[in-house]
Every structure is written in structure tokens, then in C-alpha cells.
PDB file of N, CA and C in Angstrom:
ATOM      1  N   MET A   1       4.675 -29.689 100.467  1.00  0.00           N
ATOM      2  CA  MET A   1       5.561 -28.781  99.766  1.00  0.00           C
ATOM      3  C   MET A   1       5.986 -29.455  98.454  1.00  0.00           C
ATOM      4  N   GLN A   2       5.741 -28.756  97.348  1.00  0.00           N
ATOM      5  CA  GLN A   2       6.121 -29.276  96.037  1.00  0.00           C
ATOM      6  C   GLN A   2       6.998 -28.274  95.309  1.00  0.00           C
ATOM      7  N   PHE A   3       7.824 -28.830  94.434  1.00  0.00           N
ATOM      8  CA  PHE A   3       8.759 -28.037  93.654  1.00  0.00           C
ATOM      9  C   PHE A   3       8.559 -28.368  92.185  1.00  0.00           C
ATOM     10  N   SER A   4       8.697 -27.378  91.339  1.00  0.00           N
ATOM     11  CA  SER A   4       8.634 -27.590  89.898  1.00  0.00           C
ATOM     12  C   SER A   4      10.061 -27.609  89.374  1.00  0.00           C
ATOM     13  N   VAL A   5      10.371 -28.603  88.535  1.00  0.00           N
ATOM     14  CA  VAL A   5      11.754 -28.838  88.125  1.00  0.00           C
ATOM     15  C   VAL A   5      11.863 -29.065  86.616  1.00  0.00           C
ATOM     16  N   ARG A   6      12.946 -28.529  86.053  1.00  0.00           N
ATOM     17  CA  ARG A   6      13.351 -28.855  84.679  1.00  0.00           C
ATOM     18  C   ARG A   6      14.848 -29.116  84.715  1.00  0.00           C
ATOM     19  N   ILE A   7      15.241 -30.278  84.225  1.00  0.00           N
ATOM     20  CA  ILE A   7      16.648 -30.675  84.177  1.00  0.00           C
ATOM     21  C   ILE A   7      17.114 -30.612  82.730  1.00  0.00           C
ATOM     22  N   SER A   8      18.305 -30.071  82.526  1.00  0.00           N
ATOM     23  CA  SER A   8      18.867 -30.039  81.175  1.00  0.00           C
ATOM     24  C   SER A   8      20.381 -30.181  81.257  1.00  0.00           C
ATOM     25  N   ASP A   9      20.971 -30.509  80.137  1.00  0.00           N
ATOM     26  CA  ASP A   9      22.428 -30.558  80.036  1.00  0.00           C
ATOM     27  C   ASP A   9      22.888 -29.278  79.382  1.00  0.00           C
ATOM     28  N   TYR A  10      23.893 -28.648  79.967  1.00  0.00           N
ATOM     29  CA  TYR A  10      24.429 -27.402  79.447  1.00  0.00           C
ATOM     30  C   TYR A  10      25.945 -27.494  79.488  1.00  0.00           C
ATOM     31  N   GLN A  11      26.557 -27.514  78.331  1.00  0.00           N
ATOM     32  CA  GLN A  11      28.013 -27.582  78.210  1.00  0.00           C
ATOM     33  C   GLN A  11      28.600 -28.680  79.099  1.00  0.00           C
ATOM     34  N   LYS A  12      28.075 -29.894  78.960  1.00  0.00           N
ATOM     35  CA  LYS A  12      28.533 -31.078  79.686  1.00  0.00           C
ATOM     36  C   LYS A  12      28.297 -31.007  81.202  1.00  0.00           C
ATOM     37  N   ASN A  13      27.422 -30.126  81.629  1.00  0.00           N
ATOM     38  CA  ASN A  13      27.042 -30.013  83.035  1.00  0.00           C
ATOM     39  C   ASN A  13      25.537 -30.238  83.171  1.00  0.00           C
ATOM     40  N   THR A  14      25.125 -30.729  84.319  1.00  0.00           N
ATOM     41  CA  THR A  14      23.697 -30.878  84.594  1.00  0.00           C
ATOM     42  C   THR A  14      23.194 -29.579  85.210  1.00  0.00           C
ATOM     43  N   MET A  15      22.147 -29.033  84.602  1.00  0.00           N
ATOM     44  CA  MET A  15      21.558 -27.788  85.083  1.00  0.00           C
ATOM     45  C   MET A  15      20.136 -28.069  85.560  1.00  0.00           C
ATOM     46  N   VAL A  16      19.817 -27.562  86.746  1.00  0.00           N
ATOM     47  CA  VAL A  16      18.458 -27.696  87.261  1.00  0.00           C
ATOM     48  C   VAL A  16      17.856 -26.306  87.426  1.00  0.00           C
ATOM     49  N   ASN A  17      16.675 -26.148  86.880  1.00  0.00           N
ATOM     50  CA  ASN A  17      15.859 -24.953  87.113  1.00  0.00           C
ATOM     51  C   ASN A  17      14.746 -25.420  88.039  1.00  0.00           C
ATOM     52  N   MET A  18      14.621 -24.782  89.190  1.00  0.00           N
ATOM     53  CA  MET A  18      13.637 -25.234  90.172  1.00  0.00           C
ATOM     54  C   MET A  18      12.988 -24.033  90.849  1.00  0.00           C
ATOM     55  N   CYS A  19      11.692 -24.159  91.090  1.00  0.00           N
ATOM     56  CA  CYS A  19      10.981 -23.111  91.816  1.00  0.00           C
ATOM     57  C   CYS A  19       9.922 -23.733  92.710  1.00  0.00           C
ATOM     58  N   ASP A  20       9.459 -22.951  93.678  1.00  0.00           N
ATOM     59  CA  ASP A  20       8.313 -23.368  94.479  1.00  0.00           C
ATOM     60  C   ASP A  20       7.136 -23.528  93.514  1.00  0.00           C
ATOM     61  N   ALA A  21       6.448 -24.648  93.581  1.00  0.00           N
ATOM     62  CA  ALA A  21       5.396 -24.954  92.609  1.00  0.00           C
ATOM     63  C   ALA A  21       4.328 -23.863  92.515  1.00  0.00           C
ATOM     64  N   GLU A  22       4.007 -23.227  93.632  1.00  0.00           N
ATOM     65  CA  GLU A  22       2.938 -22.215  93.605  1.00  0.00           C
ATOM     66  C   GLU A  22       3.346 -20.945  92.862  1.00  0.00           C
ATOM     67  N   LEU A  23       4.626 -20.803  92.524  1.00  0.00           N
ATOM     68  CA  LEU A  23       5.072 -19.609  91.793  1.00  0.00           C
ATOM     69  C   LEU A  23       4.935 -19.753  90.273  1.00  0.00           C
ATOM     70  N   LEU A  24       4.705 -20.967  89.787  1.00  0.00           N
ATOM     71  CA  LEU A  24       4.581 -21.166  88.340  1.00  0.00           C
ATOM     72  C   LEU A  24       3.489 -20.290  87.744  1.00  0.00           C
ATOM     73  N   GLY A  25       3.831 -19.628  86.663  1.00  0.00           N
ATOM     74  CA  GLY A  25       2.872 -18.783  85.965  1.00  0.00           C
ATOM     75  C   GLY A  25       2.791 -17.361  86.495  1.00  0.00           C
ATOM     76  N   LYS A  26       3.482 -17.068  87.574  1.00  0.00           N
ATOM     77  CA  LYS A  26       3.428 -15.723  88.158  1.00  0.00           C
ATOM     78  C   LYS A  26       4.398 -14.774  87.465  1.00  0.00           C
ATOM     79  N   ASP A  27       4.026 -13.506  87.475  1.00  0.00           N
ATOM     80  CA  ASP A  27       4.892 -12.439  87.009  1.00  0.00           C
ATOM     81  C   ASP A  27       5.443 -11.706  88.219  1.00  0.00           C
ATOM     82  N   VAL A  28       6.744 -11.493  88.214  1.00  0.00           N
ATOM     83  CA  VAL A  28       7.401 -10.739  89.280  1.00  0.00           C
ATOM     84  C   VAL A  28       7.795  -9.404  88.665  1.00  0.00           C
ATOM     85  N   VAL A  29       7.295  -8.318  89.248  1.00  0.00           N
ATOM     86  CA  VAL A  29       7.527  -6.993  88.676  1.00  0.00           C
ATOM     87  C   VAL A  29       8.166  -6.090  89.727  1.00  0.00           C
ATOM     88  N   ASP A  30       9.223  -5.407  89.310  1.00  0.00           N
ATOM     89  CA  ASP A  30       9.892  -4.436  90.165  1.00  0.00           C
ATOM     90  C   ASP A  30      10.314  -3.279  89.270  1.00  0.00           C
ATOM     91  N   GLY A  31       9.516  -2.224  89.265  1.00  0.00           N
ATOM     92  CA  GLY A  31       9.788  -1.104  88.353  1.00  0.00           C
ATOM     93  C   GLY A  31       9.648  -1.570  86.909  1.00  0.00           C
ATOM     94  N   GLU A  32      10.698  -1.373  86.121  1.00  0.00           N
ATOM     95  CA  GLU A  32      10.664  -1.794  84.725  1.00  0.00           C
ATOM     96  C   GLU A  32      11.071  -3.251  84.529  1.00  0.00           C
ATOM     97  N   LEU A  33      11.572  -3.899  85.578  1.00  0.00           N
ATOM     98  CA  LEU A  33      11.976  -5.298  85.516  1.00  0.00           C
ATOM     99  C   LEU A  33      10.749  -6.188  85.665  1.00  0.00           C
ATOM    100  N   LYS A  34      10.573  -7.096  84.707  1.00  0.00           N
ATOM    101  CA  LYS A  34       9.463  -8.042  84.764  1.00  0.00           C
ATOM    102  C   LYS A  34      10.001  -9.429  84.441  1.00  0.00           C
ATOM    103  N   ILE A  35       9.756 -10.380  85.341  1.00  0.00           N
ATOM    104  CA  ILE A  35      10.199 -11.757  85.153  1.00  0.00           C
ATOM    105  C   ILE A  35       8.963 -12.649  85.223  1.00  0.00           C
ATOM    106  N   HIS A  36       8.804 -13.490  84.204  1.00  0.00           N
ATOM    107  CA  HIS A  36       7.704 -14.454  84.192  1.00  0.00           C
ATOM    108  C   HIS A  36       8.256 -15.809  84.611  1.00  0.00           C
ATOM    109  N   ILE A  37       7.712 -16.399  85.645  1.00  0.00           N
ATOM    110  CA  ILE A  37       8.148 -17.706  86.128  1.00  0.00           C
ATOM    111  C   ILE A  37       7.345 -18.753  85.358  1.00  0.00           C
ATOM    112  N   SER A  38       7.919 -19.209  84.259  1.00  0.00           N
ATOM    113  CA  SER A  38       7.171 -20.032  83.303  1.00  0.00           C
ATOM    114  C   SER A  38       7.432 -21.529  83.453  1.00  0.00           C
ATOM    115  N   GLU A  39       6.431 -22.307  83.057  1.00  0.00           N
ATOM    116  CA  GLU A  39       6.564 -23.760  83.011  1.00  0.00           C
ATOM    117  C   GLU A  39       7.642 -24.166  82.019  1.00  0.00           C
ATOM    118  N   SER A  40       7.750 -23.444  80.920  1.00  0.00           N
ATOM    119  CA  SER A  40       8.733 -23.823  79.903  1.00  0.00           C
ATOM    120  C   SER A  40      10.161 -23.702  80.421  1.00  0.00           C
ATOM    121  N   TYR A  41      10.406 -22.820  81.387  1.00  0.00           N
ATOM    122  CA  TYR A  41      11.752 -22.660  81.926  1.00  0.00           C
ATOM    123  C   TYR A  41      11.942 -23.445  83.227  1.00  0.00           C
ATOM    124  N   TYR A  42      10.965 -23.386  84.117  1.00  0.00           N
ATOM    125  CA  TYR A  42      11.100 -24.034  85.420  1.00  0.00           C
ATOM    126  C   TYR A  42      10.486 -25.422  85.472  1.00  0.00           C
ATOM    127  N   GLY A  43       9.901 -25.867  84.383  1.00  0.00           N
ATOM    128  CA  GLY A  43       9.467 -27.243  84.268  1.00  0.00           C
ATOM    129  C   GLY A  43       8.034 -27.525  84.625  1.00  0.00           C
ATOM    130  N   LYS A  44       7.592 -28.659  84.113  1.00  0.00           N
ATOM    131  CA  LYS A  44       6.244 -29.137  84.383  1.00  0.00           C
ATOM    132  C   LYS A  44       6.267 -30.287  85.385  1.00  0.00           C
ATOM    133  N   GLN A  45       7.464 -30.796  85.688  1.00  0.00           N
ATOM    134  CA  GLN A  45       7.590 -31.931  86.594  1.00  0.00           C
ATOM    135  C   GLN A  45       7.509 -31.457  88.037  1.00  0.00           C
ATOM    136  N   LEU A  46       6.480 -31.904  88.748  1.00  0.00           N
ATOM    137  CA  LEU A  46       6.331 -31.563  90.161  1.00  0.00           C
ATOM    138  C   LEU A  46       6.936 -32.685  90.990  1.00  0.00           C
ATOM    139  N   VAL A  47       7.787 -32.292  91.946  1.00  0.00           N
ATOM    140  CA  VAL A  47       8.459 -33.281  92.780  1.00  0.00           C
ATOM    141  C   VAL A  47       8.299 -32.900  94.251  1.00  0.00           C
ATOM    142  N   ASP A  48       8.482 -33.901  95.112  1.00  0.00           N
ATOM    143  CA  ASP A  48       8.426 -33.639  96.550  1.00  0.00           C
ATOM    144  C   ASP A  48       9.820 -33.253  97.050  1.00  0.00           C
ATOM    145  N   LYS A  49       9.923 -33.023  98.339  1.00  0.00           N
ATOM    146  CA  LYS A  49      11.169 -32.540  98.938  1.00  0.00           C
ATOM    147  C   LYS A  49      12.338 -33.500  98.710  1.00  0.00           C
ATOM    148  N   ASP A  50      12.116 -34.809  98.886  1.00  0.00           N
ATOM    149  CA  ASP A  50      13.202 -35.776  98.720  1.00  0.00           C
ATOM    150  C   ASP A  50      13.737 -35.794  97.289  1.00  0.00           C
ATOM    151  N   GLU A  51      12.841 -35.756  96.307  1.00  0.00           N
ATOM    152  CA  GLU A  51      13.275 -35.714  94.910  1.00  0.00           C
ATOM    153  C   GLU A  51      14.015 -34.411  94.615  1.00  0.00           C
ATOM    154  N   ALA A  52      13.513 -33.310  95.157  1.00  0.00           N
ATOM    155  CA  ALA A  52      14.155 -32.009  94.953  1.00  0.00           C
ATOM    156  C   ALA A  52      15.585 -32.039  95.502  1.00  0.00           C
ATOM    157  N   ILE A  53      15.766 -32.621  96.676  1.00  0.00           N
ATOM    158  CA  ILE A  53      17.103 -32.735  97.269  1.00  0.00           C
ATOM    159  C   ILE A  53      18.021 -33.529  96.351  1.00  0.00           C
ATOM    160  N   SER A  54      17.531 -34.623  95.823  1.00  0.00           N
ATOM    161  CA  SER A  54      18.325 -35.455  94.918  1.00  0.00           C
ATOM    162  C   SER A  54      18.765 -34.663  93.688  1.00  0.00           C
ATOM    163  N   PHE A  55      17.853 -33.904  93.093  1.00  0.00           N
ATOM    164  CA  PHE A  55      18.193 -33.089  91.919  1.00  0.00           C
ATOM    165  C   PHE A  55      19.230 -32.026  92.269  1.00  0.00           C
ATOM    166  N   LEU A  56      19.062 -31.373  93.399  1.00  0.00           N
ATOM    167  CA  LEU A  56      19.999 -30.324  93.804  1.00  0.00           C
ATOM    168  C   LEU A  56      21.401 -30.889  94.043  1.00  0.00           C
ATOM    169  N   LYS A  57      21.475 -32.035  94.693  1.00  0.00           N
ATOM    170  CA  LYS A  57      22.773 -32.648  94.999  1.00  0.00           C
ATOM    171  C   LYS A  57      23.505 -33.114  93.742  1.00  0.00           C
ATOM    172  N   SER A  58      22.766 -33.452  92.694  1.00  0.00           N
ATOM    173  CA  SER A  58      23.394 -34.007  91.490  1.00  0.00           C
ATOM    174  C   SER A  58      23.645 -32.968  90.397  1.00  0.00           C
ATOM    175  N   SER A  59      23.341 -31.711  90.673  1.00  0.00           N
ATOM    176  CA  SER A  59      23.469 -30.670  89.655  1.00  0.00           C
ATOM    177  C   SER A  59      24.693 -29.802  89.911  1.00  0.00           C
ATOM    178  N   SER A  60      25.283 -29.331  88.828  1.00  0.00           N
ATOM    179  CA  SER A  60      26.425 -28.434  88.962  1.00  0.00           C
ATOM    180  C   SER A  60      26.031 -26.981  88.719  1.00  0.00           C
ATOM    181  N   MET A  61      24.864 -26.775  88.117  1.00  0.00           N
ATOM    182  CA  MET A  61      24.359 -25.423  87.867  1.00  0.00           C
ATOM    183  C   MET A  61      22.890 -25.389  88.283  1.00  0.00           C
ATOM    184  N   MET A  62      22.512 -24.365  89.050  1.00  0.00           N
ATOM    185  CA  MET A  62      21.140 -24.282  89.554  1.00  0.00           C
ATOM    186  C   MET A  62      20.594 -22.871  89.416  1.00  0.00           C
ATOM    187  N   ASN A  63      19.382 -22.785  88.927  1.00  0.00           N
ATOM    188  CA  ASN A  63      18.660 -21.520  88.839  1.00  0.00           C
ATOM    189  C   ASN A  63      17.417 -21.717  89.704  1.00  0.00           C
ATOM    190  N   LEU A  64      17.386 -21.075  90.863  1.00  0.00           N
ATOM    191  CA  LEU A  64      16.371 -21.357  91.876  1.00  0.00           C
ATOM    192  C   LEU A  64      15.524 -20.133  92.192  1.00  0.00           C
ATOM    193  N   VAL A  65      14.221 -20.383  92.397  1.00  0.00           N
ATOM    194  CA  VAL A  65      13.294 -19.296  92.730  1.00  0.00           C
ATOM    195  C   VAL A  65      12.330 -19.770  93.805  1.00  0.00           C
ATOM    196  N   GLY A  66      12.146 -18.932  94.813  1.00  0.00           N
ATOM    197  CA  GLY A  66      11.154 -19.214  95.846  1.00  0.00           C
ATOM    198  C   GLY A  66      11.783 -19.520  97.191  1.00  0.00           C
ATOM    199  N   LYS A  67      11.066 -19.190  98.229  1.00  0.00           N
ATOM    200  CA  LYS A  67      11.574 -19.334  99.597  1.00  0.00           C
ATOM    201  C   LYS A  67      11.879 -20.786  99.951  1.00  0.00           C
ATOM    202  N   ASP A  68      10.961 -21.706  99.637  1.00  0.00           N
ATOM    203  CA  ASP A  68      11.172 -23.111  99.991  1.00  0.00           C
ATOM    204  C   ASP A  68      12.331 -23.718  99.203  1.00  0.00           C
ATOM    205  N   THR A  69      12.386 -23.440  97.909  1.00  0.00           N
ATOM    206  CA  THR A  69      13.445 -23.969  97.050  1.00  0.00           C
ATOM    207  C   THR A  69      14.814 -23.494  97.520  1.00  0.00           C
ATOM    208  N   ILE A  70      14.939 -22.211  97.750  1.00  0.00           N
ATOM    209  CA  ILE A  70      16.235 -21.650  98.142  1.00  0.00           C
ATOM    210  C   ILE A  70      16.600 -22.080  99.558  1.00  0.00           C
ATOM    211  N   SER A  71      15.646 -22.166 100.453  1.00  0.00           N
ATOM    212  CA  SER A  71      15.902 -22.644 101.810  1.00  0.00           C
ATOM    213  C   SER A  71      16.437 -24.072 101.780  1.00  0.00           C
ATOM    214  N   LEU A  72      15.886 -24.896 100.903  1.00  0.00           N
ATOM    215  CA  LEU A  72      16.346 -26.268 100.753  1.00  0.00           C
ATOM    216  C   LEU A  72      17.805 -26.307 100.289  1.00  0.00           C
ATOM    217  N   ALA A  73      18.133 -25.517  99.283  1.00  0.00           N
ATOM    218  CA  ALA A  73      19.504 -25.479  98.746  1.00  0.00           C
ATOM    219  C   ALA A  73      20.492 -24.966  99.801  1.00  0.00           C
ATOM    220  N   ILE A  74      20.136 -23.900 100.478  1.00  0.00           N
ATOM    221  CA  ILE A  74      21.017 -23.325 101.507  1.00  0.00           C
ATOM    222  C   ILE A  74      21.219 -24.347 102.633  1.00  0.00           C
ATOM    223  N   GLY A  75      20.165 -25.054 103.010  1.00  0.00           N
ATOM    224  CA  GLY A  75      20.246 -26.079 104.043  1.00  0.00           C
ATOM    225  C   GLY A  75      21.167 -27.226 103.676  1.00  0.00           C
ATOM    226  N   LEU A  76      21.335 -27.470 102.372  1.00  0.00           N
ATOM    227  CA  LEU A  76      22.237 -28.518 101.888  1.00  0.00           C
ATOM    228  C   LEU A  76      23.668 -28.014 101.744  1.00  0.00           C
ATOM    229  N   GLY A  77      23.880 -26.746 102.061  1.00  0.00           N
ATOM    230  CA  GLY A  77      25.216 -26.170 101.929  1.00  0.00           C
ATOM    231  C   GLY A  77      25.535 -25.716 100.516  1.00  0.00           C
ATOM    232  N   LEU A  78      24.518 -25.599  99.686  1.00  0.00           N
ATOM    233  CA  LEU A  78      24.698 -25.137  98.310  1.00  0.00           C
ATOM    234  C   LEU A  78      24.422 -23.639  98.250  1.00  0.00           C
ATOM    235  N   GLY A  79      25.287 -22.900  97.637  1.00  0.00           N
ATOM    236  CA  GLY A  79      25.069 -21.465  97.518  1.00  0.00           C
ATOM    237  C   GLY A  79      25.276 -20.750  98.834  1.00  0.00           C
ATOM    238  N   SER A  80      24.967 -19.472  98.802  1.00  0.00           N
ATOM    239  CA  SER A  80      25.199 -18.618  99.960  1.00  0.00           C
ATOM    240  C   SER A  80      24.051 -17.625 100.081  1.00  0.00           C
ATOM    241  N   GLU A  81      23.689 -17.327 101.305  1.00  0.00           N
ATOM    242  CA  GLU A  81      22.615 -16.351 101.523  1.00  0.00           C
ATOM    243  C   GLU A  81      22.959 -15.003 100.908  1.00  0.00           C
ATOM    244  N   SER A  82      24.247 -14.684 100.846  1.00  0.00           N
ATOM    245  CA  SER A  82      24.651 -13.389 100.271  1.00  0.00           C
ATOM    246  C   SER A  82      24.389 -13.326  98.771  1.00  0.00           C
ATOM    247  N   GLY A  83      24.201 -14.475  98.123  1.00  0.00           N
ATOM    248  CA  GLY A  83      23.933 -14.506  96.678  1.00  0.00           C
ATOM    249  C   GLY A  83      22.457 -14.376  96.336  1.00  0.00           C
ATOM    250  N   ILE A  84      21.597 -14.382  97.335  1.00  0.00           N
ATOM    251  CA  ILE A  84      20.160 -14.317  97.090  1.00  0.00           C
ATOM    252  C   ILE A  84      19.757 -12.893  96.718  1.00  0.00           C
ATOM    253  N   LYS A  85      18.998 -12.769  95.645  1.00  0.00           N
ATOM    254  CA  LYS A  85      18.440 -11.479  95.219  1.00  0.00           C
ATOM    255  C   LYS A  85      16.935 -11.537  95.440  1.00  0.00           C
ATOM    256  N   ILE A  86      16.397 -10.501  96.054  1.00  0.00           N
ATOM    257  CA  ILE A  86      14.955 -10.436  96.314  1.00  0.00           C
ATOM    258  C   ILE A  86      14.335  -9.447  95.338  1.00  0.00           C
ATOM    259  N   ILE A  87      13.333  -9.918  94.591  1.00  0.00           N
ATOM    260  CA  ILE A  87      12.604  -9.068  93.661  1.00  0.00           C
ATOM    261  C   ILE A  87      11.126  -9.209  94.002  1.00  0.00           C
ATOM    262  N   SER A  88      10.518  -8.138  94.439  1.00  0.00           N
ATOM    263  CA  SER A  88       9.100  -8.133  94.851  1.00  0.00           C
ATOM    264  C   SER A  88       8.798  -9.271  95.828  1.00  0.00           C
ATOM    265  N   ASP A  89       9.615  -9.401  96.858  1.00  0.00           N
ATOM    266  CA  ASP A  89       9.456 -10.400  97.916  1.00  0.00           C
ATOM    267  C   ASP A  89       9.696 -11.842  97.471  1.00  0.00           C
ATOM    268  N   ILE A  90      10.171 -12.056  96.250  1.00  0.00           N
ATOM    269  CA  ILE A  90      10.465 -13.403  95.751  1.00  0.00           C
ATOM    270  C   ILE A  90      11.988 -13.550  95.675  1.00  0.00           C
ATOM    271  N   PRO A  91      12.563 -14.553  96.362  1.00  0.00           N
ATOM    272  CA  PRO A  91      14.015 -14.743  96.297  1.00  0.00           C
ATOM    273  C   PRO A  91      14.443 -15.520  95.043  1.00  0.00           C
ATOM    274  N   PHE A  92      15.582 -15.110  94.489  1.00  0.00           N
ATOM    275  CA  PHE A  92      16.196 -15.747  93.327  1.00  0.00           C
ATOM    276  C   PHE A  92      17.644 -16.073  93.690  1.00  0.00           C
ATOM    277  N   LEU A  93      18.144 -17.227  93.235  1.00  0.00           N
ATOM    278  CA  LEU A  93      19.524 -17.619  93.501  1.00  0.00           C
ATOM    279  C   LEU A  93      20.040 -18.465  92.354  1.00  0.00           C
ATOM    280  N   ILE A  94      21.211 -18.122  91.854  1.00  0.00           N
ATOM    281  CA  ILE A  94      21.890 -18.907  90.826  1.00  0.00           C
ATOM    282  C   ILE A  94      23.171 -19.454  91.446  1.00  0.00           C
ATOM    283  N   ILE A  95      23.406 -20.753  91.247  1.00  0.00           N
ATOM    284  CA  ILE A  95      24.562 -21.426  91.829  1.00  0.00           C
ATOM    285  C   ILE A  95      25.325 -22.160  90.731  1.00  0.00           C
ATOM    286  N   PHE A  96      26.645 -21.991  90.729  1.00  0.00           N
ATOM    287  CA  PHE A  96      27.526 -22.724  89.821  1.00  0.00           C
ATOM    288  C   PHE A  96      28.499 -23.529  90.665  1.00  0.00           C
ATOM    289  N   ASN A  97      28.431 -24.845  90.566  1.00  0.00           N
ATOM    290  CA  ASN A  97      29.362 -25.731  91.278  1.00  0.00           C
ATOM    291  C   ASN A  97      30.118 -26.565  90.242  1.00  0.00           C
ATOM    292  N   THR A  98      30.955 -25.935  89.464  1.00  0.00           N
ATOM    293  CA  THR A  98      31.669 -26.671  88.425  1.00  0.00           C
ATOM    294  C   THR A  98      33.033 -27.097  88.871  1.00  0.00           C
TER     295      THR A  98
END
């Protein structure tokens, strides 16, 4: 299991954009809504589960996509299942821990 990650600083907070690696480059379409899961946003750095956990624990803002990524965050007690949005069978979750 691999995750694609991009870390950035946003208003003095650490922000992580992370997705299941196999979702990179995919388009998610639901009616007129179209989301491209791009390398430029979700990163080119591929990490394993342990590294992904470390990034999630050290971030105050998270933009997460994919079943494995979101399952990992929920398992760590980050975010809530009620915050998950499903678009064309792909889960999305944004978490703010400021």
C-alpha cells in the first residue's frame, strides 16, 4: 500500500495533501462536477504506511482522497466518518486540527 503526498506550509500551519497512489492522474466525474487527482496537488512523493502515519500525525490541515488514505486517518482518530464525501465511489475528506 502506497500513498502519494505533498506537504506545504499554509498560514503557519503544516498542510498535507495525500491520496491513494493508484488514484493519481484519475478524473472523478459526477454529473457536471469533475475533479482531477493531480500529481501537482497530491504530490509526487510516494510513501509507505508508516511514513503516511507520521505525516498525518504532524499535520494540522489535511486534504485526503481514497479509501486507504482516509481509513488510515480515521484509524488514527483524525477526522470523522460523517465528514467523508463520496464522489463516484471515491471518498474525500478535509480535516482541520488547528
